[in-house]
Amino acid sequence: MSVIKRVSVCDLILSPESFSAGDKILLSGKVYTARDAAHKKLIELLNKGEKNPIELQNAAIYYAGPTEARPPMPSGSMGPTTSSRMDPFAPTLMEYGVKVMIGKGERSEEVRQAIIKHKGLYLLAVGGAGAIAAKCVESLKVIAFPELGAESIKEITLRDFPLFVGIDSFGNKI
């Protein structure tokens, strides 16, 4: 039986080489949620040289659009979105400092090369388990693009969110 590592977002950012494709982790810390509509807006702002609404340096982005919360939970269902939809944006966001991406499914070779170049990580969340994932959310607040509804950018704080390392910082895949 393989070991499950309890890690923080800081652990991933400071020591990405400590994680290997296939590692099972329980992630805690601050993560942003963003899907394709938010990614498009972020890239548009970067292209215009305008201020970004989130700090991209050393950011972790979860490709998810949480549903409305049912009290006392801070979040509704929060399953991962298919990551390949963010592939056109990921290398640019990594150039600006994004280190960790969380989603489901395969990534393009261009994204894999960006992960190697920027010493990042791609983590896999279990699809179809959004209600269970929501139980790992300690706090949630909308911080950008509220007009996008569920696809707005949110800052979430996770505790023991179960993930797999899908692509490690050396480019190895699960």
C-alpha atoms as a PDB file:
ATOM      1  CA  MET A   1       0.000   0.000   0.000  1.00  0.00           C
ATOM      2  CA  SER A   2       1.398   3.411  -0.950  1.00  0.00           C
ATOM      3  CA  VAL A   3       1.741   6.233   1.555  1.00  0.00           C
ATOM      4  CA  ILE A   4      -0.556   9.240   1.413  1.00  0.00           C
ATOM      5  CA  LYS A   5       1.380  12.454   2.076  1.00  0.00           C
ATOM      6  CA  ARG A   6      -0.227  15.358   3.948  1.00  0.00           C
ATOM      7  CA  VAL A   7       1.098  18.502   2.270  1.00  0.00           C
ATOM      8  CA  SER A   8       0.490  22.225   2.081  1.00  0.00           C
ATOM      9  CA  VAL A   9       0.381  24.350  -1.043  1.00  0.00           C
ATOM     10  CA  CYS A  10       3.686  25.844   0.175  1.00  0.00           C
ATOM     11  CA  ASP A  11       5.272  22.352   0.218  1.00  0.00           C
ATOM     12  CA  LEU A  12       4.342  21.908  -3.445  1.00  0.00           C
ATOM     13  CA  ILE A  13       5.696  25.323  -4.441  1.00  0.00           C
ATOM     14  CA  LEU A  14       8.924  25.189  -2.445  1.00  0.00           C
ATOM     15  CA  SER A  15       9.843  21.569  -3.185  1.00  0.00           C
ATOM     16  CA  PRO A  16       8.105  20.382  -6.356  1.00  0.00           C
ATOM     17  CA  GLU A  17      10.925  17.912  -7.008  1.00  0.00           C
ATOM     18  CA  SER A  18       9.892  16.047  -3.830  1.00  0.00           C
ATOM     19  CA  PHE A  19       6.751  14.792  -5.548  1.00  0.00           C
ATOM     20  CA  SER A  20       6.514  12.075  -8.179  1.00  0.00           C
ATOM     21  CA  ALA A  21       3.827  11.196 -10.687  1.00  0.00           C
ATOM     22  CA  GLY A  22       1.400   8.852  -8.964  1.00  0.00           C
ATOM     23  CA  ASP A  23       1.963  10.180  -5.436  1.00  0.00           C
ATOM     24  CA  LYS A  24      -1.208  10.360  -3.356  1.00  0.00           C
ATOM     25  CA  ILE A  25      -1.537  13.571  -1.364  1.00  0.00           C
ATOM     26  CA  LEU A  26      -3.931  15.336   0.979  1.00  0.00           C
ATOM     27  CA  LEU A  27      -3.602  19.037   0.157  1.00  0.00           C
ATOM     28  CA  SER A  28      -4.218  21.907   2.560  1.00  0.00           C
ATOM     29  CA  GLY A  29      -3.904  25.634   1.920  1.00  0.00           C
ATOM     30  CA  LYS A  30      -5.064  28.503  -0.278  1.00  0.00           C
ATOM     31  CA  VAL A  31      -6.054  27.731  -3.873  1.00  0.00           C
ATOM     32  CA  TYR A  32      -7.906  29.727  -6.530  1.00  0.00           C
ATOM     33  CA  THR A  33     -10.717  28.231  -8.594  1.00  0.00           C
ATOM     34  CA  ALA A  34     -10.893  29.218 -12.248  1.00  0.00           C
ATOM     35  CA  ARG A  35     -12.359  27.662 -15.368  1.00  0.00           C
ATOM     36  CA  ASP A  36     -11.983  28.551 -19.044  1.00  0.00           C
ATOM     37  CA  ALA A  37     -14.026  31.795 -19.013  1.00  0.00           C
ATOM     38  CA  ALA A  38     -11.949  33.156 -16.115  1.00  0.00           C
ATOM     39  CA  HIS A  39      -8.714  31.985 -17.752  1.00  0.00           C
ATOM     40  CA  LYS A  40      -9.644  33.872 -20.912  1.00  0.00           C
ATOM     41  CA  LYS A  41     -10.252  37.063 -18.907  1.00  0.00           C
ATOM     42  CA  LEU A  42      -6.943  36.663 -17.026  1.00  0.00           C
ATOM     43  CA  ILE A  43      -5.029  36.329 -20.304  1.00  0.00           C
ATOM     44  CA  GLU A  44      -6.835  39.362 -21.773  1.00  0.00           C
ATOM     45  CA  LEU A  45      -5.774  41.450 -18.751  1.00  0.00           C
ATOM     46  CA  LEU A  46      -2.177  40.237 -19.054  1.00  0.00           C
ATOM     47  CA  ASN A  47      -2.124  41.032 -22.783  1.00  0.00           C
ATOM     48  CA  LYS A  48      -3.368  44.567 -22.060  1.00  0.00           C
ATOM     49  CA  GLY A  49      -0.785  45.022 -19.299  1.00  0.00           C
ATOM     50  CA  GLU A  50      -3.541  45.588 -16.759  1.00  0.00           C
ATOM     51  CA  LYS A  51      -3.448  44.597 -13.094  1.00  0.00           C
ATOM     52  CA  ASN A  52      -4.468  41.032 -12.440  1.00  0.00           C
ATOM     53  CA  PRO A  53      -7.148  40.384  -9.788  1.00  0.00           C
ATOM     54  CA  ILE A  54      -5.169  37.491  -8.267  1.00  0.00           C
ATOM     55  CA  GLU A  55      -1.523  36.997  -7.371  1.00  0.00           C
ATOM     56  CA  LEU A  56      -0.213  34.602 -10.016  1.00  0.00           C
ATOM     57  CA  GLN A  57       3.269  34.241  -8.498  1.00  0.00           C
ATOM     58  CA  ASN A  58       3.360  30.819  -6.802  1.00  0.00           C
ATOM     59  CA  ALA A  59      -0.381  30.347  -7.294  1.00  0.00           C
ATOM     60  CA  ALA A  60      -2.288  27.092  -7.266  1.00  0.00           C
ATOM     61  CA  ILE A  61      -5.355  26.986  -9.510  1.00  0.00           C
ATOM     62  CA  TYR A  62      -8.104  24.384  -9.255  1.00  0.00           C
ATOM     63  CA  TYR A  63     -10.087  24.004 -12.451  1.00  0.00           C
ATOM     64  CA  ALA A  64     -13.512  24.014 -10.837  1.00  0.00           C
ATOM     65  CA  GLY A  65     -16.711  26.025 -10.683  1.00  0.00           C
ATOM     66  CA  PRO A  66     -18.175  25.424  -7.229  1.00  0.00           C
ATOM     67  CA  THR A  67     -21.937  25.338  -6.983  1.00  0.00           C
ATOM     68  CA  GLU A  68     -23.850  27.418  -4.466  1.00  0.00           C
ATOM     69  CA  ALA A  69     -23.242  26.452  -0.851  1.00  0.00           C
ATOM     70  CA  ARG A  70     -25.825  24.915   1.428  1.00  0.00           C
ATOM     71  CA  PRO A  71     -25.245  26.181   4.966  1.00  0.00           C
ATOM     72  CA  PRO A  72     -23.301  25.401   7.043  1.00  0.00           C
ATOM     73  CA  MET A  73     -20.934  24.340   4.217  1.00  0.00           C
ATOM     74  CA  PRO A  74     -18.847  27.165   2.649  1.00  0.00           C
ATOM     75  CA  SER A  75     -19.110  25.542  -0.793  1.00  0.00           C
ATOM     76  CA  GLY A  76     -21.416  23.412  -2.825  1.00  0.00           C
ATOM     77  CA  SER A  77     -20.234  20.594  -5.058  1.00  0.00           C
ATOM     78  CA  MET A  78     -16.745  21.267  -6.388  1.00  0.00           C
ATOM     79  CA  GLY A  79     -15.682  18.613  -8.858  1.00  0.00           C
ATOM     80  CA  PRO A  80     -12.806  19.156 -11.284  1.00  0.00           C
ATOM     81  CA  THR A  81     -13.242  20.469 -14.818  1.00  0.00           C
ATOM     82  CA  THR A  82     -11.521  18.797 -17.759  1.00  0.00           C
ATOM     83  CA  SER A  83      -8.049  20.331 -17.722  1.00  0.00           C
ATOM     84  CA  SER A  84      -7.413  20.240 -21.462  1.00  0.00           C
ATOM     85  CA  ARG A  85      -9.861  23.152 -21.787  1.00  0.00           C
ATOM     86  CA  MET A  86      -7.268  25.290 -19.959  1.00  0.00           C
ATOM     87  CA  ASP A  87      -4.315  24.074 -22.066  1.00  0.00           C
ATOM     88  CA  PRO A  88      -4.320  27.160 -24.345  1.00  0.00           C
ATOM     89  CA  PHE A  89      -3.863  29.379 -21.261  1.00  0.00           C
ATOM     90  CA  ALA A  90      -1.707  27.310 -18.886  1.00  0.00           C
ATOM     91  CA  PRO A  91       1.774  27.937 -20.361  1.00  0.00           C
ATOM     92  CA  THR A  92       1.235  31.723 -20.283  1.00  0.00           C
ATOM     93  CA  LEU A  93      -0.055  31.647 -16.717  1.00  0.00           C
ATOM     94  CA  MET A  94       2.951  29.552 -15.719  1.00  0.00           C
ATOM     95  CA  GLU A  95       5.199  32.215 -17.283  1.00  0.00           C
ATOM     96  CA  TYR A  96       3.575  34.647 -14.827  1.00  0.00           C
ATOM     97  CA  GLY A  97       4.217  32.369 -11.857  1.00  0.00           C
ATOM     98  CA  VAL A  98       1.441  29.777 -11.535  1.00  0.00           C
ATOM     99  CA  LYS A  99       3.049  26.631 -10.086  1.00  0.00           C
ATOM    100  CA  VAL A 100       0.243  24.172  -9.364  1.00  0.00           C
ATOM    101  CA  MET A 101      -2.747  23.202 -11.485  1.00  0.00           C
ATOM    102  CA  ILE A 102      -5.517  20.876 -10.308  1.00  0.00           C
ATOM    103  CA  GLY A 103      -8.051  19.239 -12.584  1.00  0.00           C
ATOM    104  CA  LYS A 104      -8.872  16.007 -14.350  1.00  0.00           C
ATOM    105  CA  GLY A 105      -7.707  14.340 -17.524  1.00  0.00           C
ATOM    106  CA  GLU A 106      -4.742  14.563 -19.880  1.00  0.00           C
ATOM    107  CA  ARG A 107      -2.643  17.654 -20.594  1.00  0.00           C
ATOM    108  CA  SER A 108      -1.013  18.681 -23.868  1.00  0.00           C
ATOM    109  CA  GLU A 109       2.688  18.251 -24.539  1.00  0.00           C
ATOM    110  CA  GLU A 110       3.012  22.058 -24.466  1.00  0.00           C
ATOM    111  CA  VAL A 111       1.639  22.135 -20.915  1.00  0.00           C
ATOM    112  CA  ARG A 112       3.897  19.250 -19.869  1.00  0.00           C
ATOM    113  CA  GLN A 113       6.912  21.176 -21.196  1.00  0.00           C
ATOM    114  CA  ALA A 114       5.779  24.315 -19.319  1.00  0.00           C
ATOM    115  CA  ILE A 115       5.532  22.256 -16.121  1.00  0.00           C
ATOM    116  CA  ILE A 116       9.131  21.095 -16.614  1.00  0.00           C
ATOM    117  CA  LYS A 117      10.385  24.592 -17.493  1.00  0.00           C
ATOM    118  CA  HIS A 118       8.719  26.280 -14.514  1.00  0.00           C
ATOM    119  CA  LYS A 119       9.117  23.417 -12.020  1.00  0.00           C
ATOM    120  CA  GLY A 120       5.381  23.114 -11.554  1.00  0.00           C
ATOM    121  CA  LEU A 121       2.986  20.286 -10.809  1.00  0.00           C
ATOM    122  CA  TYR A 122      -0.275  19.038 -12.250  1.00  0.00           C
ATOM    123  CA  LEU A 123      -2.524  17.365  -9.703  1.00  0.00           C
ATOM    124  CA  LEU A 124      -5.496  15.132 -10.441  1.00  0.00           C
ATOM    125  CA  ALA A 125      -8.764  15.351  -8.553  1.00  0.00           C
ATOM    126  CA  VAL A 126     -11.300  12.550  -8.752  1.00  0.00           C
ATOM    127  CA  GLY A 127     -14.062  13.331 -11.215  1.00  0.00           C
ATOM    128  CA  GLY A 128     -17.632  12.682 -10.087  1.00  0.00           C
ATOM    129  CA  ALA A 129     -16.794  13.294  -6.428  1.00  0.00           C
ATOM    130  CA  GLY A 130     -17.622  17.011  -6.207  1.00  0.00           C
ATOM    131  CA  ALA A 131     -19.828  16.679  -3.120  1.00  0.00           C
ATOM    132  CA  ILE A 132     -17.054  14.851  -1.287  1.00  0.00           C
ATOM    133  CA  ALA A 133     -14.489  17.444  -2.443  1.00  0.00           C
ATOM    134  CA  ALA A 134     -16.695  20.211  -1.015  1.00  0.00           C
ATOM    135  CA  LYS A 135     -16.234  18.699   2.457  1.00  0.00           C
ATOM    136  CA  CYS A 136     -12.532  19.666   2.229  1.00  0.00           C
ATOM    137  CA  VAL A 137     -13.324  23.380   1.785  1.00  0.00           C
ATOM    138  CA  GLU A 138     -12.884  25.428   4.942  1.00  0.00           C
ATOM    139  CA  SER A 139     -13.593  28.829   3.389  1.00  0.00           C
ATOM    140  CA  LEU A 140     -14.568  30.326   0.047  1.00  0.00           C
ATOM    141  CA  LYS A 141     -14.858  33.880  -1.229  1.00  0.00           C
ATOM    142  CA  VAL A 142     -15.393  35.326  -4.706  1.00  0.00           C
ATOM    143  CA  ILE A 143     -12.451  37.553  -5.588  1.00  0.00           C
ATOM    144  CA  ALA A 144     -12.793  38.242  -9.327  1.00  0.00           C
ATOM    145  CA  PHE A 145     -15.269  38.239 -12.189  1.00  0.00           C
ATOM    146  CA  PRO A 146     -18.487  37.791 -10.150  1.00  0.00           C
ATOM    147  CA  GLU A 147     -20.456  38.186 -13.388  1.00  0.00           C
ATOM    148  CA  LEU A 148     -19.276  34.680 -14.328  1.00  0.00           C
ATOM    149  CA  GLY A 149     -21.330  33.119 -11.513  1.00  0.00           C
ATOM    150  CA  ALA A 150     -20.072  29.611 -10.702  1.00  0.00           C
ATOM    151  CA  GLU A 151     -17.086  30.277 -12.989  1.00  0.00           C
ATOM    152  CA  SER A 152     -15.961  33.384 -11.092  1.00  0.00           C
ATOM    153  CA  ILE A 153     -12.518  33.201  -9.514  1.00  0.00           C
ATOM    154  CA  LYS A 154     -12.769  32.153  -5.908  1.00  0.00           C
ATOM    155  CA  GLU A 155     -10.177  31.885  -3.188  1.00  0.00           C
ATOM    156  CA  ILE A 156     -10.684  28.684  -1.265  1.00  0.00           C
ATOM    157  CA  THR A 157      -8.929  27.223   1.726  1.00  0.00           C
ATOM    158  CA  LEU A 158      -8.649  23.456   1.568  1.00  0.00           C
ATOM    159  CA  ARG A 159      -7.989  20.903   4.282  1.00  0.00           C
ATOM    160  CA  ASP A 160      -6.877  17.377   3.358  1.00  0.00           C
ATOM    161  CA  PHE A 161      -8.155  17.522  -0.225  1.00  0.00           C
ATOM    162  CA  PRO A 162      -7.342  14.116  -1.813  1.00  0.00           C
ATOM    163  CA  LEU A 163      -5.310  14.346  -5.020  1.00  0.00           C
ATOM    164  CA  PHE A 164      -2.813  12.432  -7.155  1.00  0.00           C
ATOM    165  CA  VAL A 165       0.293  13.922  -8.764  1.00  0.00           C
ATOM    166  CA  GLY A 166      -0.567  13.643 -12.460  1.00  0.00           C
ATOM    167  CA  ILE A 167       2.553  15.291 -13.907  1.00  0.00           C
ATOM    168  CA  ASP A 168       5.574  15.937 -11.740  1.00  0.00           C
ATOM    169  CA  SER A 169       8.115  18.740 -12.141  1.00  0.00           C
ATOM    170  CA  PHE A 170      10.324  16.458 -14.258  1.00  0.00           C
ATOM    171  CA  GLY A 171       7.502  15.822 -16.748  1.00  0.00           C
ATOM    172  CA  ASN A 172       6.742  12.270 -15.657  1.00  0.00           C
ATOM    173  CA  LYS A 173       3.064  11.334 -16.021  1.00  0.00           C
ATOM    174  CA  ILE A 174       0.936   9.060 -13.858  1.00  0.00           C
END
